[in-house]
Amino acid sequence: MTRVERIRSALEAALAPQSLDVVDDSARHAGHAGARDGRGHFNVDIVSDAFAGMSPIARHRAVYAALGEMMTTDIHALAIRARTPAEAQA
């Protein structure tokens, strides 16, 4: 399973998103100090009811928690756009 597939699977299991887009941006950061150890750069756009009533920081923490150990073993940088379905439609 690729890193993108593992990220997608972990987020789907934990947050039941209505919409989820995961992009591996690692190639754009080749040679970057954080990429030298093999960890990657990713962008996540996630829409889930689970974010209702959460602050932006709490939403990011929920994503980090869902990814668990991957945050230290596979992911160097993670850009997150986390919205509720109502926010996504606005």
PDB file of N, CA and C in Angstrom:
ATOM      1  N   MET A   1       0.846  -1.177   0.000  1.00  0.00           N
ATOM      2  CA  MET A   1       0.000   0.000   0.000  1.00  0.00           C
ATOM      3  C   MET A   1       0.899   1.251   0.000  1.00  0.00           C
ATOM      4  N   THR A   2       0.591   2.222  -0.840  1.00  0.00           N
ATOM      5  CA  THR A   2       1.373   3.455  -0.900  1.00  0.00           C
ATOM      6  C   THR A   2       1.072   4.332   0.313  1.00  0.00           C
ATOM      7  N   ARG A   3       1.906   5.321   0.517  1.00  0.00           N
ATOM      8  CA  ARG A   3       1.667   6.256   1.627  1.00  0.00           C
ATOM      9  C   ARG A   3       0.348   6.977   1.465  1.00  0.00           C
ATOM     10  N   VAL A   4       0.029   7.398   0.261  1.00  0.00           N
ATOM     11  CA  VAL A   4      -1.243   8.083   0.022  1.00  0.00           C
ATOM     12  C   VAL A   4      -2.399   7.156   0.383  1.00  0.00           C
ATOM     13  N   GLU A   5      -2.313   5.896  -0.006  1.00  0.00           N
ATOM     14  CA  GLU A   5      -3.371   4.934   0.323  1.00  0.00           C
ATOM     15  C   GLU A   5      -3.469   4.723   1.834  1.00  0.00           C
ATOM     16  N   ARG A   6      -2.327   4.661   2.518  1.00  0.00           N
ATOM     17  CA  ARG A   6      -2.341   4.494   3.970  1.00  0.00           C
ATOM     18  C   ARG A   6      -2.932   5.712   4.672  1.00  0.00           C
ATOM     19  N   ILE A   7      -2.587   6.905   4.191  1.00  0.00           N
ATOM     20  CA  ILE A   7      -3.157   8.136   4.756  1.00  0.00           C
ATOM     21  C   ILE A   7      -4.661   8.143   4.536  1.00  0.00           C
ATOM     22  N   ARG A   8      -5.075   7.851   3.311  1.00  0.00           N
ATOM     23  CA  ARG A   8      -6.506   7.826   2.977  1.00  0.00           C
ATOM     24  C   ARG A   8      -7.249   6.818   3.855  1.00  0.00           C
ATOM     25  N   SER A   9      -6.709   5.635   4.001  1.00  0.00           N
ATOM     26  CA  SER A   9      -7.351   4.586   4.790  1.00  0.00           C
ATOM     27  C   SER A   9      -7.497   5.001   6.255  1.00  0.00           C
ATOM     28  N   ALA A  10      -6.452   5.582   6.823  1.00  0.00           N
ATOM     29  CA  ALA A  10      -6.494   5.996   8.231  1.00  0.00           C
ATOM     30  C   ALA A  10      -7.526   7.104   8.447  1.00  0.00           C
ATOM     31  N   LEU A  11      -7.578   8.075   7.536  1.00  0.00           N
ATOM     32  CA  LEU A  11      -8.534   9.173   7.678  1.00  0.00           C
ATOM     33  C   LEU A  11      -9.966   8.706   7.457  1.00  0.00           C
ATOM     34  N   GLU A  12     -10.165   7.800   6.517  1.00  0.00           N
ATOM     35  CA  GLU A  12     -11.511   7.264   6.287  1.00  0.00           C
ATOM     36  C   GLU A  12     -12.005   6.499   7.506  1.00  0.00           C
ATOM     37  N   ALA A  13     -11.136   5.704   8.106  1.00  0.00           N
ATOM     38  CA  ALA A  13     -11.528   4.904   9.268  1.00  0.00           C
ATOM     39  C   ALA A  13     -11.859   5.782  10.480  1.00  0.00           C
ATOM     40  N   ALA A  14     -11.087   6.837  10.683  1.00  0.00           N
ATOM     41  CA  ALA A  14     -11.256   7.653  11.882  1.00  0.00           C
ATOM     42  C   ALA A  14     -12.293   8.764  11.742  1.00  0.00           C
ATOM     43  N   LEU A  15     -12.431   9.329  10.545  1.00  0.00           N
ATOM     44  CA  LEU A  15     -13.242  10.542  10.409  1.00  0.00           C
ATOM     45  C   LEU A  15     -14.421  10.416   9.443  1.00  0.00           C
ATOM     46  N   ALA A  16     -14.590   9.273   8.803  1.00  0.00           N
ATOM     47  CA  ALA A  16     -15.707   9.022   7.879  1.00  0.00           C
ATOM     48  C   ALA A  16     -15.987  10.231   6.986  1.00  0.00           C
ATOM     49  N   PRO A  17     -15.009  10.660   6.203  1.00  0.00           N
ATOM     50  CA  PRO A  17     -15.199  11.869   5.395  1.00  0.00           C
ATOM     51  C   PRO A  17     -16.199  11.694   4.260  1.00  0.00           C
ATOM     52  N   GLN A  18     -16.891  12.785   3.951  1.00  0.00           N
ATOM     53  CA  GLN A  18     -17.761  12.807   2.773  1.00  0.00           C
ATOM     54  C   GLN A  18     -16.932  13.054   1.528  1.00  0.00           C
ATOM     55  N   SER A  19     -15.810  13.726   1.721  1.00  0.00           N
ATOM     56  CA  SER A  19     -14.899  14.026   0.626  1.00  0.00           C
ATOM     57  C   SER A  19     -13.483  13.999   1.179  1.00  0.00           C
ATOM     58  N   LEU A  20     -12.561  13.417   0.396  1.00  0.00           N
ATOM     59  CA  LEU A  20     -11.174  13.326   0.843  1.00  0.00           C
ATOM     60  C   LEU A  20     -10.256  13.329  -0.370  1.00  0.00           C
ATOM     61  N   ASP A  21      -9.300  14.256  -0.357  1.00  0.00           N
ATOM     62  CA  ASP A  21      -8.302  14.318  -1.415  1.00  0.00           C
ATOM     63  C   ASP A  21      -6.935  14.344  -0.744  1.00  0.00           C
ATOM     64  N   VAL A  22      -6.073  13.412  -1.104  1.00  0.00           N
ATOM     65  CA  VAL A  22      -4.721  13.328  -0.559  1.00  0.00           C
ATOM     66  C   VAL A  22      -3.744  13.417  -1.720  1.00  0.00           C
ATOM     67  N   VAL A  23      -2.826  14.380  -1.651  1.00  0.00           N
ATOM     68  CA  VAL A  23      -1.855  14.600  -2.710  1.00  0.00           C
ATOM     69  C   VAL A  23      -0.446  14.473  -2.138  1.00  0.00           C
ATOM     70  N   ASP A  24       0.372  13.674  -2.801  1.00  0.00           N
ATOM     71  CA  ASP A  24       1.777  13.526  -2.420  1.00  0.00           C
ATOM     72  C   ASP A  24       2.571  14.602  -3.148  1.00  0.00           C
ATOM     73  N   ASP A  25       3.081  15.556  -2.392  1.00  0.00           N
ATOM     74  CA  ASP A  25       3.848  16.675  -2.932  1.00  0.00           C
ATOM     75  C   ASP A  25       5.348  16.482  -2.733  1.00  0.00           C
ATOM     76  N   SER A  26       5.761  15.292  -2.373  1.00  0.00           N
ATOM     77  CA  SER A  26       7.153  15.028  -2.012  1.00  0.00           C
ATOM     78  C   SER A  26       8.144  15.382  -3.115  1.00  0.00           C
ATOM     79  N   ALA A  27       7.795  15.139  -4.360  1.00  0.00           N
ATOM     80  CA  ALA A  27       8.718  15.400  -5.466  1.00  0.00           C
ATOM     81  C   ALA A  27       9.084  16.881  -5.563  1.00  0.00           C
ATOM     82  N   ARG A  28       8.175  17.752  -5.157  1.00  0.00           N
ATOM     83  CA  ARG A  28       8.441  19.192  -5.196  1.00  0.00           C
ATOM     84  C   ARG A  28       9.422  19.618  -4.117  1.00  0.00           C
ATOM     85  N   HIS A  29       9.679  18.743  -3.153  1.00  0.00           N
ATOM     86  CA  HIS A  29      10.551  19.078  -2.029  1.00  0.00           C
ATOM     87  C   HIS A  29      11.834  18.258  -2.011  1.00  0.00           C
ATOM     88  N   ALA A  30      12.164  17.649  -3.127  1.00  0.00           N
ATOM     89  CA  ALA A  30      13.393  16.851  -3.209  1.00  0.00           C
ATOM     90  C   ALA A  30      14.586  17.714  -2.826  1.00  0.00           C
ATOM     91  N   GLY A  31      15.447  17.165  -1.988  1.00  0.00           N
ATOM     92  CA  GLY A  31      16.619  17.895  -1.533  1.00  0.00           C
ATOM     93  C   GLY A  31      16.376  18.716  -0.285  1.00  0.00           C
ATOM     94  N   HIS A  32      15.119  18.923   0.082  1.00  0.00           N
ATOM     95  CA  HIS A  32      14.759  19.644   1.297  1.00  0.00           C
ATOM     96  C   HIS A  32      15.231  18.846   2.499  1.00  0.00           C
ATOM     97  N   ALA A  33      15.710  19.523   3.518  1.00  0.00           N
ATOM     98  CA  ALA A  33      16.269  18.845   4.692  1.00  0.00           C
ATOM     99  C   ALA A  33      15.307  17.807   5.268  1.00  0.00           C
ATOM    100  N   GLY A  34      14.024  18.128   5.336  1.00  0.00           N
ATOM    101  CA  GLY A  34      13.056  17.204   5.904  1.00  0.00           C
ATOM    102  C   GLY A  34      12.753  16.009   5.025  1.00  0.00           C
ATOM    103  N   ALA A  35      13.076  16.115   3.753  1.00  0.00           N
ATOM    104  CA  ALA A  35      12.801  15.014   2.831  1.00  0.00           C
ATOM    105  C   ALA A  35      13.957  14.027   2.761  1.00  0.00           C
ATOM    106  N   ARG A  36      15.103  14.404   3.276  1.00  0.00           N
ATOM    107  CA  ARG A  36      16.286  13.546   3.168  1.00  0.00           C
ATOM    108  C   ARG A  36      16.146  12.230   3.927  1.00  0.00           C
ATOM    109  N   ASP A  37      15.331  12.222   4.965  1.00  0.00           N
ATOM    110  CA  ASP A  37      15.177  10.991   5.748  1.00  0.00           C
ATOM    111  C   ASP A  37      14.102  10.074   5.174  1.00  0.00           C
ATOM    112  N   GLY A  38      13.544  10.448   4.027  1.00  0.00           N
ATOM    113  CA  GLY A  38      12.582   9.585   3.359  1.00  0.00           C
ATOM    114  C   GLY A  38      11.135   9.883   3.662  1.00  0.00           C
ATOM    115  N   ARG A  39      10.883  10.761   4.625  1.00  0.00           N
ATOM    116  CA  ARG A  39       9.492  11.114   4.911  1.00  0.00           C
ATOM    117  C   ARG A  39       8.985  12.076   3.847  1.00  0.00           C
ATOM    118  N   GLY A  40       7.665  12.123   3.659  1.00  0.00           N
ATOM    119  CA  GLY A  40       7.094  12.890   2.558  1.00  0.00           C
ATOM    120  C   GLY A  40       6.332  14.133   2.956  1.00  0.00           C
ATOM    121  N   HIS A  41       5.975  14.900   1.924  1.00  0.00           N
ATOM    122  CA  HIS A  41       5.172  16.112   2.044  1.00  0.00           C
ATOM    123  C   HIS A  41       3.811  15.822   1.402  1.00  0.00           C
ATOM    124  N   PHE A  42       2.749  16.103   2.126  1.00  0.00           N
ATOM    125  CA  PHE A  42       1.411  15.772   1.643  1.00  0.00           C
ATOM    126  C   PHE A  42       0.439  16.919   1.873  1.00  0.00           C
ATOM    127  N   ASN A  43      -0.588  16.972   1.026  1.00  0.00           N
ATOM    128  CA  ASN A  43      -1.709  17.899   1.174  1.00  0.00           C
ATOM    129  C   ASN A  43      -2.970  17.061   1.362  1.00  0.00           C
ATOM    130  N   VAL A  44      -3.771  17.427   2.355  1.00  0.00           N
ATOM    131  CA  VAL A  44      -5.024  16.731   2.620  1.00  0.00           C
ATOM    132  C   VAL A  44      -6.155  17.756   2.605  1.00  0.00           C
ATOM    133  N   ASP A  45      -7.181  17.476   1.817  1.00  0.00           N
ATOM    134  CA  ASP A  45      -8.410  18.268   1.806  1.00  0.00           C
ATOM    135  C   ASP A  45      -9.503  17.304   2.233  1.00  0.00           C
ATOM    136  N   ILE A  46     -10.067  17.530   3.410  1.00  0.00           N
ATOM    137  CA  ILE A  46     -11.023  16.584   3.978  1.00  0.00           C
ATOM    138  C   ILE A  46     -12.286  17.307   4.428  1.00  0.00           C
ATOM    139  N   VAL A  47     -13.420  16.715   4.108  1.00  0.00           N
ATOM    140  CA  VAL A  47     -14.724  17.241   4.496  1.00  0.00           C
ATOM    141  C   VAL A  47     -15.419  16.153   5.308  1.00  0.00           C
ATOM    142  N   SER A  48     -15.761  16.483   6.564  1.00  0.00           N
ATOM    143  CA  SER A  48     -16.365  15.481   7.436  1.00  0.00           C
ATOM    144  C   SER A  48     -17.283  16.129   8.470  1.00  0.00           C
ATOM    145  N   ASP A  49     -18.373  15.437   8.778  1.00  0.00           N
ATOM    146  CA  ASP A  49     -19.257  15.868   9.861  1.00  0.00           C
ATOM    147  C   ASP A  49     -18.534  15.848  11.204  1.00  0.00           C
ATOM    148  N   ALA A  50     -17.487  15.055  11.306  1.00  0.00           N
ATOM    149  CA  ALA A  50     -16.742  14.937  12.559  1.00  0.00           C
ATOM    150  C   ALA A  50     -16.145  16.273  13.004  1.00  0.00           C
ATOM    151  N   PHE A  51     -15.983  17.217  12.078  1.00  0.00           N
ATOM    152  CA  PHE A  51     -15.377  18.504  12.406  1.00  0.00           C
ATOM    153  C   PHE A  51     -16.371  19.531  12.959  1.00  0.00           C
ATOM    154  N   ALA A  52     -17.649  19.191  12.969  1.00  0.00           N
ATOM    155  CA  ALA A  52     -18.663  20.130  13.458  1.00  0.00           C
ATOM    156  C   ALA A  52     -18.358  20.522  14.904  1.00  0.00           C
ATOM    157  N   GLY A  53     -18.364  21.822  15.154  1.00  0.00           N
ATOM    158  CA  GLY A  53     -18.131  22.339  16.493  1.00  0.00           C
ATOM    159  C   GLY A  53     -16.673  22.386  16.918  1.00  0.00           C
ATOM    160  N   MET A  54     -15.769  21.961  16.049  1.00  0.00           N
ATOM    161  CA  MET A  54     -14.337  21.959  16.385  1.00  0.00           C
ATOM    162  C   MET A  54     -13.663  23.229  15.878  1.00  0.00           C
ATOM    163  N   SER A  55     -12.704  23.701  16.638  1.00  0.00           N
ATOM    164  CA  SER A  55     -11.872  24.812  16.180  1.00  0.00           C
ATOM    165  C   SER A  55     -10.921  24.288  15.103  1.00  0.00           C
ATOM    166  N   PRO A  56     -10.312  25.188  14.328  1.00  0.00           N
ATOM    167  CA  PRO A  56      -9.343  24.731  13.326  1.00  0.00           C
ATOM    168  C   PRO A  56      -8.208  23.905  13.942  1.00  0.00           C
ATOM    169  N   ILE A  57      -7.728  24.308  15.094  1.00  0.00           N
ATOM    170  CA  ILE A  57      -6.646  23.554  15.745  1.00  0.00           C
ATOM    171  C   ILE A  57      -7.123  22.158  16.140  1.00  0.00           C
ATOM    172  N   ALA A  58      -8.327  22.060  16.662  1.00  0.00           N
ATOM    173  CA  ALA A  58      -8.880  20.755  17.049  1.00  0.00           C
ATOM    174  C   ALA A  58      -9.051  19.856  15.825  1.00  0.00           C
ATOM    175  N   ARG A  59      -9.421  20.427  14.708  1.00  0.00           N
ATOM    176  CA  ARG A  59      -9.573  19.652  13.476  1.00  0.00           C
ATOM    177  C   ARG A  59      -8.219  19.088  13.044  1.00  0.00           C
ATOM    178  N   HIS A  60      -7.190  19.923  13.095  1.00  0.00           N
ATOM    179  CA  HIS A  60      -5.846  19.453  12.729  1.00  0.00           C
ATOM    180  C   HIS A  60      -5.386  18.364  13.685  1.00  0.00           C
ATOM    181  N   ARG A  61      -5.660  18.544  14.959  1.00  0.00           N
ATOM    182  CA  ARG A  61      -5.286  17.519  15.943  1.00  0.00           C
ATOM    183  C   ARG A  61      -6.005  16.210  15.667  1.00  0.00           C
ATOM    184  N   ALA A  62      -7.256  16.276  15.237  1.00  0.00           N
ATOM    185  CA  ALA A  62      -8.011  15.061  14.910  1.00  0.00           C
ATOM    186  C   ALA A  62      -7.384  14.336  13.721  1.00  0.00           C
ATOM    187  N   VAL A  63      -6.933  15.108  12.737  1.00  0.00           N
ATOM    188  CA  VAL A  63      -6.260  14.509  11.572  1.00  0.00           C
ATOM    189  C   VAL A  63      -4.942  13.874  12.013  1.00  0.00           C
ATOM    190  N   TYR A  64      -4.158  14.609  12.818  1.00  0.00           N
ATOM    191  CA  TYR A  64      -2.883  14.061  13.307  1.00  0.00           C
ATOM    192  C   TYR A  64      -3.122  12.779  14.107  1.00  0.00           C
ATOM    193  N   ALA A  65      -4.131  12.776  14.951  1.00  0.00           N
ATOM    194  CA  ALA A  65      -4.434  11.593  15.761  1.00  0.00           C
ATOM    195  C   ALA A  65      -4.816  10.415  14.876  1.00  0.00           C
ATOM    196  N   ALA A  66      -5.587  10.684  13.827  1.00  0.00           N
ATOM    197  CA  ALA A  66      -5.997   9.618  12.911  1.00  0.00           C
ATOM    198  C   ALA A  66      -4.797   9.010  12.203  1.00  0.00           C
ATOM    199  N   LEU A  67      -3.801   9.839  11.908  1.00  0.00           N
ATOM    200  CA  LEU A  67      -2.615   9.357  11.198  1.00  0.00           C
ATOM    201  C   LEU A  67      -1.614   8.701  12.130  1.00  0.00           C
ATOM    202  N   GLY A  68      -1.723   8.969  13.416  1.00  0.00           N
ATOM    203  CA  GLY A  68      -0.918   8.292  14.421  1.00  0.00           C
ATOM    204  C   GLY A  68       0.567   8.296  14.129  1.00  0.00           C
ATOM    205  N   GLU A  69       1.156   7.134  14.165  1.00  0.00           N
ATOM    206  CA  GLU A  69       2.600   6.957  14.008  1.00  0.00           C
ATOM    207  C   GLU A  69       3.117   7.427  12.651  1.00  0.00           C
ATOM    208  N   MET A  70       2.252   7.459  11.654  1.00  0.00           N
ATOM    209  CA  MET A  70       2.690   7.928  10.338  1.00  0.00           C
ATOM    210  C   MET A  70       3.244   9.352  10.410  1.00  0.00           C
ATOM    211  N   MET A  71       2.782  10.126  11.398  1.00  0.00           N
ATOM    212  CA  MET A  71       3.272  11.499  11.529  1.00  0.00           C
ATOM    213  C   MET A  71       4.756  11.536  11.884  1.00  0.00           C
ATOM    214  N   THR A  72       5.288  10.477  12.451  1.00  0.00           N
ATOM    215  CA  THR A  72       6.710  10.464  12.803  1.00  0.00           C
ATOM    216  C   THR A  72       7.527   9.550  11.895  1.00  0.00           C
ATOM    217  N   THR A  73       6.878   8.625  11.201  1.00  0.00           N
ATOM    218  CA  THR A  73       7.621   7.670  10.384  1.00  0.00           C
ATOM    219  C   THR A  73       7.536   7.935   8.883  1.00  0.00           C
ATOM    220  N   ASP A  74       6.451   8.541   8.424  1.00  0.00           N
ATOM    221  CA  ASP A  74       6.219   8.684   6.986  1.00  0.00           C
ATOM    222  C   ASP A  74       5.987  10.113   6.506  1.00  0.00           C
ATOM    223  N   ILE A  75       5.546  10.979   7.406  1.00  0.00           N
ATOM    224  CA  ILE A  75       5.133  12.325   7.007  1.00  0.00           C
ATOM    225  C   ILE A  75       6.054  13.371   7.630  1.00  0.00           C
ATOM    226  N   HIS A  76       6.682  14.171   6.774  1.00  0.00           N
ATOM    227  CA  HIS A  76       7.499  15.286   7.265  1.00  0.00           C
ATOM    228  C   HIS A  76       6.654  16.555   7.349  1.00  0.00           C
ATOM    229  N   ALA A  77       5.837  16.797   6.324  1.00  0.00           N
ATOM    230  CA  ALA A  77       5.012  17.999   6.279  1.00  0.00           C
ATOM    231  C   ALA A  77       3.618  17.625   5.788  1.00  0.00           C
ATOM    232  N   LEU A  78       2.613  18.235   6.427  1.00  0.00           N
ATOM    233  CA  LEU A  78       1.229  17.933   6.086  1.00  0.00           C
ATOM    234  C   LEU A  78       0.426  19.226   6.062  1.00  0.00           C
ATOM    235  N   ALA A  79      -0.055  19.594   4.886  1.00  0.00           N
ATOM    236  CA  ALA A  79      -0.950  20.747   4.754  1.00  0.00           C
ATOM    237  C   ALA A  79      -2.374  20.210   4.847  1.00  0.00           C
ATOM    238  N   ILE A  80      -3.174  20.796   5.728  1.00  0.00           N
ATOM    239  CA  ILE A  80      -4.512  20.274   5.979  1.00  0.00           C
ATOM    240  C   ILE A  80      -5.563  21.355   5.717  1.00  0.00           C
ATOM    241  N   ARG A  81      -6.574  20.997   4.947  1.00  0.00           N
ATOM    242  CA  ARG A  81      -7.779  21.807   4.804  1.00  0.00           C
ATOM    243  C   ARG A  81      -8.907  20.920   5.306  1.00  0.00           C
ATOM    244  N   ALA A  82      -9.429  21.230   6.498  1.00  0.00           N
ATOM    245  CA  ALA A  82     -10.450  20.401   7.142  1.00  0.00           C
ATOM    246  C   ALA A  82     -11.725  21.222   7.313  1.00  0.00           C
ATOM    247  N   ARG A  83     -12.802  20.754   6.679  1.00  0.00           N
ATOM    248  CA  ARG A  83     -14.059  21.496   6.700  1.00  0.00           C
ATOM    249  C   ARG A  83     -15.244  20.577   6.988  1.00  0.00           C
ATOM    250  N   THR A  84     -16.329  21.187   7.441  1.00  0.00           N
ATOM    251  CA  THR A  84     -17.588  20.469   7.575  1.00  0.00           C
ATOM    252  C   THR A  84     -18.263  20.487   6.204  1.00  0.00           C
ATOM    253  N   PRO A  85     -19.260  19.630   5.992  1.00  0.00           N
ATOM    254  CA  PRO A  85     -19.978  19.662   4.714  1.00  0.00           C
ATOM    255  C   PRO A  85     -20.606  21.035   4.429  1.00  0.00           C
ATOM    256  N   ALA A  86     -21.154  21.699   5.450  1.00  0.00           N
ATOM    257  CA  ALA A  86     -21.758  23.024   5.253  1.00  0.00           C
ATOM    258  C   ALA A  86     -20.700  24.037   4.818  1.00  0.00           C
ATOM    259  N   GLU A  87     -19.522  23.976   5.396  1.00  0.00           N
ATOM    260  CA  GLU A  87     -18.446  24.897   5.013  1.00  0.00           C
ATOM    261  C   GLU A  87     -17.975  24.619   3.588  1.00  0.00           C
ATOM    262  N   ALA A  88     -17.967  23.371   3.196  1.00  0.00           N
ATOM    263  CA  ALA A  88     -17.526  23.003   1.858  1.00  0.00           C
ATOM    264  C   ALA A  88     -18.514  23.495   0.803  1.00  0.00           C
ATOM    265  N   GLN A  89     -19.790  23.556   1.150  1.00  0.00           N
ATOM    266  CA  GLN A  89     -20.813  24.003   0.197  1.00  0.00           C
ATOM    267  C   GLN A  89     -20.894  25.519   0.093  1.00  0.00           C
ATOM    268  N   ALA A  90     -20.403  26.211   1.118  1.00  0.00           N
ATOM    269  CA  ALA A  90     -20.508  27.688   1.138  1.00  0.00           C
ATOM    270  C   ALA A  90     -19.577  28.332   0.144  1.00  0.00           C
TER     271      ALA A  90
END
